[in-house]
Amino acid sequence: MHVLVTGDTLSGSWVYTRELVAGLVTRGVRVTLVSFGDIPLPAQTSWMDHLHGLDYRPTAFRLEWMQEAEEDRAEAASFLMSLAQELRPDLLHLHQFSYGNLPVDIPRIVMAHGDLLTWREAVPEQQHRPLNAAERYARARYRDTVLLGIACADAVVAPSAWMLNRFSAMYTMPRRAEVIYPGRNPIFFNPYVSKDDCVLAVGRLVDANRQLSLLTQHEHPLPVCIVGSEQTVATPLNPIRADVKVATEETSVAIRGPQTEAQLRALYSRAAIYAATSRYEPLGMPVLEAAFSRCAIVANDIPSYREMWGDAALYFRTNDASSLAASIRLLNDDRTMRRAYAELAYARARERFTTKRMIDEYLQLYRSLISVRTAAA
């Protein structure tokens, strides 16, 4: 089987693409990967070095949610068309809505792992910001693009039932819809290290969706560390200190810049608690990484976290800094409870969110779509 996958190098979905592609290749699937966004740095592609059966084609075409994305759309579609005609893959697995309508006789899966309109709905700062005429036009064009991609796709895959429901309500119900939960390979994480009494969170402090500022609004009985980016960086030739202290009368939080993969995994392995504060979290890859590292999860009470983590996380009142601080204090005071939540998160991740399980479900979907297309021919 040969699958052409498109990916996005500018967001956390690149980690998802990595797991998908590596998982497929190790199962004997030929993969051609086309990336959009920026040309990735070597640190973002080092995982490809030993993947035999992967053909990687980086591009710098703009992503569909970007300003001026329409300037690239026709050229990007033409590039994908020519590539599909040259390589004749058995299936297209698209992480961009724009190309669900490519006029090729190949089954097409479109991923709904996040979109501009459901994100805007979830983040109040975006809801209430008035749009000018150009922005309204761009938003309408974006919605039309998504609708066309959905209409032409053979299947739409969402990372949660919640995301599929919100996506369908915002646009339209796909002709075939599947929920396939994201996965991570447990081998990358160390759940056996003795834990430090500290809280870890990952994301930009200025991101209104991540709302990591909730961690800076109250005093905490143990140190809090925020890693300021989900994107890992290459190992520098010389050590770089990038810690910043955000201190008020009530709290002190350490903020670190982007970390190497090894540094980030070490932080996960040592942290006792992971704070999942997002308002909108379709994929939730950092939470998976924390769970595979046996961290206790303190999560914002939003539907996607509830669906994925059930009773394996301790929830704080939605978007409430006081409730978050109280939850952290509770886990700090009750170490037995903290260890229990860590075990619950680890067990749930091992049971439901492995790369192997994700690839099993994708291969089943691939074979189904290919067989339907073959029968129709």
Protein backbone atom coordinates (compact mmCIF):
# COMPACT_ATOMS: atom_id res chain seq x y z
CA MET A 1 0.00 0.00 0.00
CA HIS A 2 1.19 3.51 -0.85
CA VAL A 3 -0.27 6.54 0.98
CA LEU A 4 0.36 10.21 0.20
CA VAL A 5 0.15 12.23 3.43
CA THR A 6 0.12 16.01 3.76
CA GLY A 7 1.30 17.68 6.96
CA ASP A 8 1.71 21.04 8.68
CA THR A 9 5.11 21.97 10.14
CA LEU A 10 3.88 25.00 12.09
CA SER A 11 1.69 23.48 14.80
CA GLY A 12 1.43 20.62 17.25
CA SER A 13 -0.14 18.54 14.49
CA TRP A 14 3.41 17.94 13.16
CA VAL A 15 3.92 15.59 16.11
CA TYR A 16 0.72 13.81 15.11
CA THR A 17 1.95 13.55 11.51
CA ARG A 18 5.23 12.12 12.77
CA GLU A 19 3.44 9.39 14.71
CA LEU A 20 1.18 8.61 11.76
CA VAL A 21 3.96 8.44 9.18
CA ALA A 22 6.43 6.52 11.35
CA GLY A 23 3.69 4.10 12.39
CA LEU A 24 2.64 3.44 8.81
CA VAL A 25 6.19 2.95 7.53
CA THR A 26 7.06 0.49 10.30
CA ARG A 27 3.97 -1.50 9.27
CA GLY A 28 5.28 -1.82 5.71
CA VAL A 29 3.28 1.02 4.12
CA ARG A 30 5.02 3.21 1.54
CA VAL A 31 4.49 6.86 2.47
CA THR A 32 5.05 10.04 0.51
CA LEU A 33 4.88 12.98 2.92
CA VAL A 34 4.30 16.52 1.65
CA SER A 35 4.65 19.27 4.25
CA PHE A 36 3.13 22.76 4.08
CA GLY A 37 4.03 25.85 6.05
CA ASP A 38 7.68 26.63 6.64
CA ILE A 39 10.46 24.38 5.39
CA PRO A 40 11.20 22.45 8.60
CA LEU A 41 14.43 22.71 10.53
CA PRO A 42 16.66 19.60 10.75
CA ALA A 43 15.49 19.00 14.33
CA GLN A 44 11.92 18.65 13.03
CA THR A 45 12.86 15.98 10.49
CA SER A 46 15.58 13.97 12.27
CA TRP A 47 12.98 11.29 13.04
CA MET A 48 12.87 10.49 9.31
CA ASP A 49 16.53 9.48 9.10
CA HIS A 50 15.99 5.75 9.60
CA LEU A 51 12.55 5.36 8.05
CA HIS A 52 13.00 3.24 4.95
CA GLY A 53 9.93 3.57 2.76
CA LEU A 54 9.40 7.30 3.34
CA ASP A 55 9.61 9.80 0.49
CA TYR A 56 9.60 13.34 1.92
CA ARG A 57 8.69 16.42 -0.16
CA PRO A 58 8.89 19.68 1.89
CA THR A 59 7.18 22.80 0.55
CA ALA A 60 6.64 26.34 1.82
CA PHE A 61 3.05 26.74 0.60
CA ARG A 62 0.94 28.75 3.04
CA LEU A 63 -1.57 26.94 5.24
CA GLU A 64 -5.24 27.52 4.45
CA TRP A 65 -5.94 29.53 7.62
CA MET A 66 -3.13 32.00 6.89
CA GLN A 67 -3.58 35.43 5.42
CA GLU A 68 -2.94 35.41 1.68
CA ALA A 69 -3.27 31.61 1.62
CA GLU A 70 -5.33 31.86 -1.58
CA GLU A 71 -2.24 33.08 -3.42
CA ASP A 72 -0.68 29.64 -2.92
CA ARG A 73 -3.75 27.41 -3.16
CA ALA A 74 -3.86 26.86 -6.92
CA GLU A 75 -0.12 26.23 -7.17
CA ALA A 76 -0.18 23.88 -4.17
CA ALA A 77 -3.13 21.95 -5.60
CA SER A 78 -1.34 21.68 -8.95
CA PHE A 79 1.77 20.37 -7.18
CA LEU A 80 -0.24 17.70 -5.34
CA MET A 81 -2.09 16.77 -8.54
CA SER A 82 1.12 16.26 -10.48
CA LEU A 83 2.61 14.28 -7.60
CA ALA A 84 -0.46 12.04 -7.39
CA GLN A 85 -0.40 11.47 -11.16
CA GLU A 86 3.32 10.65 -11.05
CA LEU A 87 3.29 8.34 -8.02
CA ARG A 88 -0.23 6.86 -8.24
CA PRO A 89 -0.68 6.32 -4.49
CA ASP A 90 -3.51 4.11 -3.28
CA LEU A 91 -4.88 6.80 -0.96
CA LEU A 92 -4.53 10.48 -0.02
CA HIS A 93 -4.43 11.32 3.71
CA LEU A 94 -4.84 15.10 3.87
CA HIS A 95 -4.26 17.31 6.90
CA GLN A 96 -5.56 20.30 4.94
CA PHE A 97 -9.20 20.77 3.95
CA SER A 98 -8.28 22.64 0.75
CA TYR A 99 -7.23 19.53 -1.15
CA GLY A 100 -10.18 17.28 -0.37
CA ASN A 101 -11.56 18.26 -3.78
CA LEU A 102 -8.50 17.33 -5.86
CA PRO A 103 -9.85 15.87 -9.13
CA VAL A 104 -8.07 12.52 -8.85
CA ASP A 105 -9.52 9.02 -8.86
CA ILE A 106 -7.93 8.17 -5.51
CA PRO A 107 -9.70 7.78 -2.14
CA ARG A 108 -9.24 10.92 0.00
CA ILE A 109 -9.27 11.22 3.78
CA VAL A 110 -9.49 14.74 5.23
CA MET A 111 -8.42 15.32 8.83
CA ALA A 112 -10.53 17.59 11.05
CA HIS A 113 -7.98 18.06 13.82
CA GLY A 114 -8.79 21.74 14.24
CA ASP A 115 -10.11 24.61 12.15
CA LEU A 116 -10.42 28.37 12.26
CA LEU A 117 -14.15 28.63 12.96
CA THR A 118 -14.47 26.10 15.81
CA TRP A 119 -11.32 27.63 17.34
CA ARG A 120 -12.85 31.12 17.11
CA GLU A 121 -16.03 29.80 18.73
CA ALA A 122 -14.05 28.46 21.72
CA VAL A 123 -11.81 31.47 22.40
CA PRO A 124 -13.76 34.52 23.62
CA GLU A 125 -11.05 36.96 22.63
CA GLN A 126 -11.67 35.84 19.05
CA GLN A 127 -15.46 35.64 19.35
CA HIS A 128 -15.89 39.27 20.30
CA ARG A 129 -13.23 40.86 18.13
CA PRO A 130 -15.06 42.62 15.25
CA LEU A 131 -13.90 41.70 11.76
CA ASN A 132 -13.25 44.24 9.06
CA ALA A 133 -14.56 43.72 5.52
CA ALA A 134 -11.39 42.00 4.28
CA GLU A 135 -11.40 39.63 7.25
CA ARG A 136 -15.09 38.81 6.74
CA TYR A 137 -14.39 37.99 3.11
CA ALA A 138 -11.41 35.83 4.03
CA ARG A 139 -13.49 34.02 6.66
CA ALA A 140 -16.27 33.32 4.17
CA ARG A 141 -13.76 32.05 1.61
CA TYR A 142 -12.20 29.84 4.25
CA ARG A 143 -15.59 28.34 5.14
CA ASP A 144 -16.37 27.69 1.47
CA THR A 145 -13.00 25.98 1.08
CA VAL A 146 -13.63 23.70 4.06
CA LEU A 147 -17.16 22.86 2.85
CA LEU A 148 -15.86 21.90 -0.60
CA GLY A 149 -13.11 19.76 0.85
CA ILE A 150 -15.57 17.91 3.10
CA ALA A 151 -18.08 17.40 0.28
CA CYS A 152 -15.49 15.78 -1.98
CA ALA A 153 -13.65 13.69 0.63
CA ASP A 154 -14.35 9.96 0.87
CA ALA A 155 -14.01 10.20 4.66
CA VAL A 156 -13.43 12.84 7.33
CA VAL A 157 -11.51 11.79 10.43
CA ALA A 158 -11.73 13.69 13.73
CA PRO A 159 -9.59 13.10 16.85
CA SER A 160 -12.64 13.04 19.14
CA ALA A 161 -16.42 12.73 18.96
CA TRP A 162 -16.63 16.23 20.41
CA MET A 163 -14.52 17.64 17.56
CA LEU A 164 -16.57 15.77 14.97
CA ASN A 165 -19.82 17.11 16.44
CA ARG A 166 -18.62 20.73 16.60
CA PHE A 167 -17.09 20.50 13.14
CA SER A 168 -20.25 19.03 11.62
CA ALA A 169 -22.42 21.66 13.31
CA MET A 170 -20.20 24.47 12.05
CA TYR A 171 -19.98 23.17 8.46
CA THR A 172 -21.88 20.04 7.42
CA MET A 173 -22.00 16.34 8.25
CA PRO A 174 -19.47 14.44 6.07
CA ARG A 175 -20.72 11.57 3.95
CA ARG A 176 -18.50 9.26 5.99
CA ALA A 177 -17.12 10.31 9.36
CA GLU A 178 -14.76 8.44 11.68
CA VAL A 179 -13.34 9.20 15.12
CA ILE A 180 -9.76 7.98 15.51
CA TYR A 181 -8.10 9.11 18.72
CA PRO A 182 -4.52 10.39 18.50
CA GLY A 183 -1.65 8.17 19.55
CA ARG A 184 1.90 8.41 20.86
CA ASN A 185 4.60 5.77 21.05
CA PRO A 186 5.22 4.99 24.76
CA ILE A 187 8.85 4.11 24.02
CA PHE A 188 9.69 7.83 23.81
CA PHE A 189 8.77 8.53 27.44
CA ASN A 190 10.09 7.45 30.82
CA PRO A 191 7.38 6.80 33.42
CA TYR A 192 9.77 5.26 35.94
CA VAL A 193 11.76 8.30 37.15
CA SER A 194 11.22 9.54 40.70
CA LYS A 195 8.97 12.58 40.56
CA ASP A 196 9.82 16.08 41.74
CA ASP A 197 7.20 18.17 43.51
CA CYS A 198 6.45 20.46 40.58
CA VAL A 199 3.83 21.36 37.99
CA LEU A 200 4.56 21.39 34.25
CA ALA A 201 2.62 23.08 31.43
CA VAL A 202 3.48 23.49 27.74
CA GLY A 203 2.47 26.35 25.44
CA ARG A 204 2.94 30.05 24.79
CA LEU A 205 1.97 32.26 27.75
CA VAL A 206 0.39 34.83 25.41
CA ASP A 207 -1.84 32.25 23.69
CA ALA A 208 -5.44 33.07 24.70
CA ASN A 209 -6.50 29.52 23.91
CA ARG A 210 -3.82 27.85 26.03
CA GLN A 211 -4.59 30.36 28.84
CA LEU A 212 -1.48 29.34 30.76
CA SER A 213 -1.80 32.70 32.51
CA LEU A 214 -4.23 30.88 34.84
CA LEU A 215 -1.13 29.44 36.51
CA THR A 216 0.21 32.92 37.30
CA GLN A 217 -2.88 34.24 39.10
CA HIS A 218 -2.62 32.40 42.43
CA GLU A 219 -0.01 31.13 44.81
CA HIS A 220 0.95 27.48 44.47
CA PRO A 221 2.58 25.31 47.14
CA LEU A 222 5.08 23.83 44.66
CA PRO A 223 7.12 25.15 41.72
CA VAL A 224 5.43 25.72 38.36
CA CYS A 225 7.32 25.46 35.06
CA ILE A 226 5.88 26.60 31.73
CA VAL A 227 7.67 25.52 28.56
CA GLY A 228 6.98 28.37 26.18
CA SER A 229 6.60 26.36 22.97
CA GLU A 230 5.34 23.00 21.78
CA GLN A 231 7.95 22.97 19.01
CA THR A 232 11.18 21.30 20.06
CA VAL A 233 14.52 22.69 18.92
CA ALA A 234 17.85 21.26 17.84
CA THR A 235 20.48 20.53 20.47
CA PRO A 236 22.63 23.71 20.65
CA LEU A 237 26.41 23.57 20.43
CA ASN A 238 26.62 25.53 23.67
CA PRO A 239 24.19 25.30 26.60
CA ILE A 240 21.64 28.12 26.64
CA ARG A 241 19.79 29.31 29.73
CA ALA A 242 16.32 30.52 28.80
CA ASP A 243 14.56 30.61 32.17
CA VAL A 244 12.48 33.64 33.08
CA LYS A 245 10.73 34.20 36.40
CA VAL A 246 7.25 35.69 36.47
CA ALA A 247 6.85 36.84 40.06
CA THR A 248 4.09 38.71 41.89
CA GLU A 249 3.24 38.95 45.53
CA GLU A 250 1.28 35.72 45.22
CA THR A 251 3.17 33.45 42.89
CA SER A 252 6.42 32.63 41.10
CA VAL A 253 6.45 30.74 37.81
CA ALA A 254 9.50 29.66 35.80
CA ILE A 255 9.11 30.10 32.04
CA ARG A 256 11.47 28.25 29.75
CA GLY A 257 11.97 28.75 26.05
CA PRO A 258 11.72 25.99 23.45
CA GLN A 259 13.37 22.76 24.57
CA THR A 260 15.13 19.94 22.78
CA GLU A 261 13.23 16.66 22.66
CA ALA A 262 15.50 15.21 25.33
CA GLN A 263 14.99 18.23 27.60
CA LEU A 264 11.22 18.16 27.19
CA ARG A 265 11.01 14.43 27.88
CA ALA A 266 13.13 14.91 30.99
CA LEU A 267 10.76 17.64 32.21
CA TYR A 268 7.77 15.36 31.65
CA SER A 269 9.44 12.49 33.44
CA ARG A 270 10.31 14.60 36.53
CA ALA A 271 7.04 16.55 36.82
CA ALA A 272 4.51 15.22 39.30
CA ILE A 273 1.58 17.18 37.84
CA TYR A 274 0.74 18.35 34.33
CA ALA A 275 -1.63 21.32 33.96
CA ALA A 276 -3.82 21.08 30.84
CA THR A 277 -5.38 24.54 30.74
CA SER A 278 -6.56 24.91 27.11
CA ARG A 279 -10.01 26.17 26.16
CA TYR A 280 -9.85 24.38 22.80
CA GLU A 281 -7.87 21.17 22.42
CA PRO A 282 -8.75 18.94 19.46
CA LEU A 283 -5.51 16.89 19.49
CA GLY A 284 -4.04 17.25 22.98
CA MET A 285 -0.61 15.79 22.18
CA PRO A 286 1.18 17.37 25.20
CA VAL A 287 -1.32 15.76 27.56
CA LEU A 288 -0.63 12.36 25.96
CA GLU A 289 3.09 12.91 26.51
CA ALA A 290 2.49 13.82 30.15
CA ALA A 291 0.29 10.77 30.69
CA PHE A 292 2.88 8.43 29.14
CA SER A 293 5.38 10.02 31.56
CA ARG A 294 3.10 9.11 34.49
CA CYS A 295 2.15 12.67 35.45
CA ALA A 296 -1.08 13.36 37.32
CA ILE A 297 -3.28 15.39 34.96
CA VAL A 298 -5.10 18.51 36.17
CA ALA A 299 -7.35 19.48 33.25
CA ASN A 300 -9.67 22.30 32.32
CA ASP A 301 -13.24 20.98 32.40
CA ILE A 302 -13.95 21.08 28.67
CA PRO A 303 -15.72 18.36 26.64
CA SER A 304 -12.67 17.14 24.68
CA TYR A 305 -10.64 16.51 27.85
CA ARG A 306 -13.62 14.80 29.50
CA GLU A 307 -14.06 12.55 26.49
CA MET A 308 -10.42 11.54 26.24
CA TRP A 309 -9.49 11.26 29.91
CA GLY A 310 -12.71 10.37 31.72
CA ASP A 311 -12.00 9.72 35.39
CA ALA A 312 -8.22 9.54 34.74
CA ALA A 313 -7.81 13.32 35.25
CA LEU A 314 -8.68 15.78 38.01
CA TYR A 315 -10.75 18.60 36.50
CA PHE A 316 -10.82 22.21 37.59
CA ARG A 317 -13.82 24.46 37.02
CA THR A 318 -13.85 25.64 33.42
CA ASN A 319 -11.36 28.47 32.79
CA ASP A 320 -11.16 29.23 36.54
CA ALA A 321 -7.75 30.09 38.00
CA SER A 322 -8.92 29.70 41.61
CA SER A 323 -10.23 26.20 40.95
CA LEU A 324 -6.99 25.28 39.16
CA ALA A 325 -4.95 26.45 42.15
CA ALA A 326 -7.21 24.48 44.53
CA SER A 327 -6.78 21.32 42.44
CA ILE A 328 -2.99 21.69 42.50
CA ARG A 329 -3.06 22.20 46.28
CA LEU A 330 -5.22 19.11 46.69
CA LEU A 331 -2.78 16.92 44.77
CA ASN A 332 0.16 18.43 46.62
CA ASP A 333 -1.42 17.75 50.02
CA ASP A 334 -2.65 14.25 49.19
CA ARG A 335 0.29 12.33 47.68
CA THR A 336 -1.71 9.09 47.57
CA MET A 337 -4.33 10.79 45.41
CA ARG A 338 -1.63 12.30 43.23
CA ARG A 339 -0.01 8.91 42.62
CA ALA A 340 -3.44 7.41 41.91
CA TYR A 341 -4.23 10.01 39.25
CA ALA A 342 -0.79 9.52 37.72
CA GLU A 343 -1.42 5.77 37.48
CA LEU A 344 -4.88 6.31 36.03
CA ALA A 345 -3.56 8.66 33.34
CA TYR A 346 -0.71 6.29 32.47
CA ALA A 347 -3.00 3.25 32.26
CA ARG A 348 -5.55 5.10 30.10
CA ALA A 349 -2.83 6.31 27.74
CA ARG A 350 -1.44 2.78 27.38
CA GLU A 351 -4.91 1.39 26.77
CA ARG A 352 -6.37 3.98 24.39
CA PHE A 353 -3.77 6.35 22.99
CA THR A 354 -0.86 4.35 21.59
CA THR A 355 0.43 4.77 18.06
CA LYS A 356 -0.17 1.07 17.44
CA ARG A 357 -3.89 1.39 18.18
CA MET A 358 -4.13 4.52 16.01
CA ILE A 359 -2.37 2.84 13.06
CA ASP A 360 -4.54 -0.28 13.38
CA GLU A 361 -7.64 1.88 12.99
CA TYR A 362 -6.21 3.87 10.09
CA LEU A 363 -5.19 0.74 8.20
CA GLN A 364 -8.69 -0.63 8.64
CA LEU A 365 -10.13 2.62 7.24
CA TYR A 366 -7.62 2.71 4.38
CA ARG A 367 -8.45 -0.85 3.29
CA SER A 368 -12.17 -0.12 3.49
CA LEU A 369 -11.90 2.98 1.27
CA ILE A 370 -9.59 1.31 -1.23
CA SER A 371 -11.86 -1.73 -1.51
CA VAL A 372 -14.92 0.48 -2.06
CA ARG A 373 -13.13 2.39 -4.82
CA THR A 374 -11.88 -0.86 -6.41
CA ALA A 375 -15.38 -2.38 -6.35
CA ALA A 376 -16.84 0.76 -7.92
CA ALA A 377 -14.27 0.61 -10.71
